[in-house]
Amino acid sequence: MKNKLSDLNNALFQQLENIQNPEEGTDVAMEIEKAKAITGISTNIINIHKLAYQAAKESGREEDFLETQFTNTPKSIDR
């Protein structure tokens, strides 16, 4: 797993897919427990990113923050 919000989003949807369409032999109860754990961790990650975004916004670095979260290369590296 990478460390961008888009990667988190992909992981959440993959886990949802695992629950909705389990492969044969999959322990669905275990997948649901994993999903609960992932949800808890994801909530913490999102809250941390909200705080970081707010700090970036207040310091005038909102654009740089968004680029590092949703693109492969931040603009500041390209410059």
N, C-alpha and C. Protein backbone atom coordinates (compact mmCIF):
# COMPACT_ATOMS: atom_id res chain seq x y z
N MET A 1 0.83 -1.17 0.00
CA MET A 1 0.00 0.00 0.00
C MET A 1 0.88 1.24 0.00
N LYS A 2 0.46 2.23 -0.73
CA LYS A 2 1.19 3.50 -0.76
C LYS A 2 0.57 4.43 0.28
N ASN A 3 0.96 5.67 0.26
CA ASN A 3 0.54 6.58 1.32
C ASN A 3 -0.28 7.76 0.84
N LYS A 4 -1.00 7.62 -0.21
CA LYS A 4 -1.85 8.69 -0.71
C LYS A 4 -3.31 8.37 -0.38
N LEU A 5 -4.12 9.40 -0.30
CA LEU A 5 -5.53 9.17 -0.01
C LEU A 5 -6.19 8.34 -1.10
N SER A 6 -5.75 8.48 -2.33
CA SER A 6 -6.31 7.67 -3.41
C SER A 6 -5.99 6.19 -3.20
N ASP A 7 -4.83 5.89 -2.63
CA ASP A 7 -4.47 4.50 -2.31
C ASP A 7 -5.36 3.96 -1.19
N LEU A 8 -5.64 4.80 -0.21
CA LEU A 8 -6.54 4.40 0.86
C LEU A 8 -7.92 4.11 0.30
N ASN A 9 -8.38 4.97 -0.57
CA ASN A 9 -9.68 4.79 -1.22
C ASN A 9 -9.74 3.45 -1.96
N ASN A 10 -8.69 3.15 -2.70
CA ASN A 10 -8.63 1.88 -3.44
C ASN A 10 -8.66 0.68 -2.49
N ALA A 11 -7.94 0.77 -1.38
CA ALA A 11 -7.92 -0.32 -0.41
C ALA A 11 -9.29 -0.54 0.21
N LEU A 12 -9.99 0.56 0.50
CA LEU A 12 -11.33 0.44 1.09
C LEU A 12 -12.30 -0.22 0.11
N PHE A 13 -12.24 0.19 -1.14
CA PHE A 13 -13.12 -0.42 -2.13
C PHE A 13 -12.76 -1.89 -2.39
N GLN A 14 -11.49 -2.23 -2.32
CA GLN A 14 -11.07 -3.63 -2.49
C GLN A 14 -11.62 -4.48 -1.35
N GLN A 15 -11.56 -3.96 -0.13
CA GLN A 15 -12.09 -4.72 1.00
C GLN A 15 -13.60 -4.88 0.87
N LEU A 16 -14.29 -3.86 0.41
CA LEU A 16 -15.73 -3.95 0.18
C LEU A 16 -16.03 -5.02 -0.85
N GLU A 17 -15.24 -5.06 -1.90
CA GLU A 17 -15.40 -6.09 -2.94
C GLU A 17 -15.19 -7.49 -2.35
N ASN A 18 -14.20 -7.63 -1.46
CA ASN A 18 -13.93 -8.92 -0.84
C ASN A 18 -15.12 -9.41 -0.01
N ILE A 19 -15.84 -8.48 0.57
CA ILE A 19 -17.00 -8.85 1.38
C ILE A 19 -18.21 -9.14 0.49
N GLN A 20 -18.41 -8.30 -0.52
CA GLN A 20 -19.57 -8.45 -1.39
C GLN A 20 -19.47 -9.67 -2.30
N ASN A 21 -18.29 -9.96 -2.79
CA ASN A 21 -18.08 -11.06 -3.73
C ASN A 21 -16.90 -11.92 -3.26
N PRO A 22 -17.07 -12.63 -2.18
CA PRO A 22 -15.94 -13.41 -1.65
C PRO A 22 -15.56 -14.56 -2.57
N GLU A 23 -14.26 -14.85 -2.62
CA GLU A 23 -13.80 -16.01 -3.35
C GLU A 23 -14.21 -17.26 -2.57
N GLU A 24 -14.33 -18.35 -3.29
CA GLU A 24 -14.73 -19.60 -2.65
C GLU A 24 -13.75 -19.95 -1.53
N GLY A 25 -14.29 -20.32 -0.39
CA GLY A 25 -13.45 -20.69 0.74
C GLY A 25 -13.09 -19.51 1.64
N THR A 26 -13.50 -18.32 1.26
CA THR A 26 -13.19 -17.14 2.05
C THR A 26 -14.04 -17.12 3.31
N ASP A 27 -13.44 -16.82 4.42
CA ASP A 27 -14.16 -16.66 5.69
C ASP A 27 -14.71 -15.23 5.72
N VAL A 28 -15.99 -15.10 5.37
CA VAL A 28 -16.61 -13.78 5.27
C VAL A 28 -16.62 -13.06 6.62
N ALA A 29 -16.82 -13.80 7.69
CA ALA A 29 -16.81 -13.19 9.02
C ALA A 29 -15.43 -12.56 9.31
N MET A 30 -14.38 -13.25 8.89
CA MET A 30 -13.03 -12.71 9.06
C MET A 30 -12.82 -11.47 8.20
N GLU A 31 -13.35 -11.49 6.98
CA GLU A 31 -13.25 -10.33 6.10
C GLU A 31 -13.98 -9.12 6.70
N ILE A 32 -15.11 -9.38 7.34
CA ILE A 32 -15.86 -8.30 7.99
C ILE A 32 -15.06 -7.74 9.16
N GLU A 33 -14.42 -8.60 9.92
CA GLU A 33 -13.57 -8.13 11.03
C GLU A 33 -12.40 -7.30 10.50
N LYS A 34 -11.80 -7.75 9.41
CA LYS A 34 -10.72 -6.98 8.78
C LYS A 34 -11.23 -5.62 8.34
N ALA A 35 -12.43 -5.61 7.75
CA ALA A 35 -13.03 -4.36 7.28
C ALA A 35 -13.23 -3.39 8.43
N LYS A 36 -13.66 -3.90 9.57
CA LYS A 36 -13.84 -3.04 10.75
C LYS A 36 -12.51 -2.44 11.19
N ALA A 37 -11.46 -3.24 11.19
CA ALA A 37 -10.14 -2.74 11.56
C ALA A 37 -9.65 -1.70 10.56
N ILE A 38 -9.84 -1.99 9.29
CA ILE A 38 -9.42 -1.05 8.24
C ILE A 38 -10.19 0.26 8.36
N THR A 39 -11.48 0.17 8.68
CA THR A 39 -12.29 1.38 8.84
C THR A 39 -11.76 2.24 9.98
N GLY A 40 -11.43 1.62 11.10
CA GLY A 40 -10.88 2.38 12.23
C GLY A 40 -9.59 3.07 11.89
N ILE A 41 -8.69 2.35 11.25
CA ILE A 41 -7.40 2.93 10.85
C ILE A 41 -7.62 4.03 9.81
N SER A 42 -8.51 3.79 8.87
CA SER A 42 -8.80 4.77 7.82
C SER A 42 -9.34 6.06 8.41
N THR A 43 -10.21 5.93 9.40
CA THR A 43 -10.76 7.12 10.05
C THR A 43 -9.64 7.96 10.66
N ASN A 44 -8.69 7.31 11.30
CA ASN A 44 -7.55 8.04 11.88
C ASN A 44 -6.72 8.71 10.79
N ILE A 45 -6.47 8.01 9.71
CA ILE A 45 -5.68 8.58 8.61
C ILE A 45 -6.40 9.79 8.03
N ILE A 46 -7.68 9.68 7.82
CA ILE A 46 -8.45 10.79 7.27
C ILE A 46 -8.42 11.99 8.21
N ASN A 47 -8.57 11.75 9.49
CA ASN A 47 -8.53 12.85 10.46
C ASN A 47 -7.17 13.54 10.47
N ILE A 48 -6.10 12.77 10.36
CA ILE A 48 -4.76 13.35 10.30
C ILE A 48 -4.61 14.20 9.04
N HIS A 49 -5.13 13.69 7.91
CA HIS A 49 -5.05 14.45 6.66
C HIS A 49 -5.90 15.72 6.71
N LYS A 50 -7.03 15.65 7.38
CA LYS A 50 -7.85 16.86 7.55
C LYS A 50 -7.06 17.93 8.30
N LEU A 51 -6.39 17.53 9.36
CA LEU A 51 -5.59 18.45 10.14
C LEU A 51 -4.43 19.01 9.31
N ALA A 52 -3.76 18.14 8.57
CA ALA A 52 -2.64 18.58 7.73
C ALA A 52 -3.13 19.53 6.64
N TYR A 53 -4.28 19.24 6.06
CA TYR A 53 -4.85 20.10 5.03
C TYR A 53 -5.18 21.47 5.62
N GLN A 54 -5.78 21.48 6.79
CA GLN A 54 -6.12 22.75 7.43
C GLN A 54 -4.87 23.58 7.68
N ALA A 55 -3.80 22.94 8.14
CA ALA A 55 -2.54 23.64 8.38
C ALA A 55 -1.96 24.17 7.07
N ALA A 56 -2.00 23.35 6.03
CA ALA A 56 -1.49 23.78 4.72
C ALA A 56 -2.31 24.95 4.18
N LYS A 57 -3.60 24.88 4.34
CA LYS A 57 -4.49 25.94 3.87
C LYS A 57 -4.20 27.26 4.59
N GLU A 58 -4.03 27.19 5.90
CA GLU A 58 -3.77 28.40 6.68
C GLU A 58 -2.39 28.98 6.42
N SER A 59 -1.45 28.15 5.97
CA SER A 59 -0.10 28.64 5.68
C SER A 59 0.09 28.97 4.21
N GLY A 60 -0.99 28.87 3.41
CA GLY A 60 -0.89 29.20 2.00
C GLY A 60 -0.29 28.10 1.14
N ARG A 61 -0.20 26.89 1.64
CA ARG A 61 0.40 25.78 0.89
C ARG A 61 -0.63 24.73 0.50
N GLU A 62 -1.86 25.15 0.39
CA GLU A 62 -2.95 24.23 0.07
C GLU A 62 -2.71 23.49 -1.24
N GLU A 63 -2.27 24.22 -2.26
CA GLU A 63 -2.06 23.60 -3.57
C GLU A 63 -0.98 22.52 -3.51
N ASP A 64 0.11 22.81 -2.82
CA ASP A 64 1.19 21.82 -2.69
C ASP A 64 0.69 20.57 -1.95
N PHE A 65 -0.09 20.77 -0.90
CA PHE A 65 -0.62 19.65 -0.14
C PHE A 65 -1.49 18.77 -1.03
N LEU A 66 -2.40 19.39 -1.76
CA LEU A 66 -3.30 18.62 -2.62
C LEU A 66 -2.54 17.86 -3.69
N GLU A 67 -1.52 18.49 -4.25
CA GLU A 67 -0.73 17.80 -5.28
C GLU A 67 0.01 16.60 -4.73
N THR A 68 0.52 16.70 -3.52
CA THR A 68 1.26 15.56 -2.96
C THR A 68 0.32 14.42 -2.61
N GLN A 69 -0.94 14.71 -2.41
CA GLN A 69 -1.90 13.67 -2.04
C GLN A 69 -2.57 13.02 -3.25
N PHE A 70 -2.64 13.73 -4.36
CA PHE A 70 -3.43 13.22 -5.47
C PHE A 70 -2.67 13.10 -6.79
N THR A 71 -1.38 13.36 -6.79
CA THR A 71 -0.58 13.15 -8.00
C THR A 71 0.69 12.39 -7.62
N ASN A 72 1.41 11.95 -8.62
CA ASN A 72 2.62 11.17 -8.35
C ASN A 72 3.81 12.04 -7.98
N THR A 73 3.89 13.25 -8.52
CA THR A 73 5.03 14.11 -8.28
C THR A 73 4.56 15.49 -7.87
N PRO A 74 4.95 15.97 -6.70
CA PRO A 74 4.55 17.32 -6.30
C PRO A 74 5.17 18.37 -7.22
N LYS A 75 4.46 19.46 -7.43
CA LYS A 75 4.96 20.54 -8.28
C LYS A 75 6.30 21.06 -7.79
N SER A 76 6.46 21.17 -6.49
CA SER A 76 7.69 21.72 -5.94
C SER A 76 8.91 20.92 -6.38
N ILE A 77 8.76 19.64 -6.67
CA ILE A 77 9.88 18.83 -7.15
C ILE A 77 10.12 19.10 -8.63
N ASP A 78 9.06 19.37 -9.39
CA ASP A 78 9.20 19.64 -10.81
C ASP A 78 9.85 20.99 -11.10
N ARG A 79 9.76 21.91 -10.19
CA ARG A 79 10.24 23.28 -10.44
C ARG A 79 11.72 23.38 -10.47
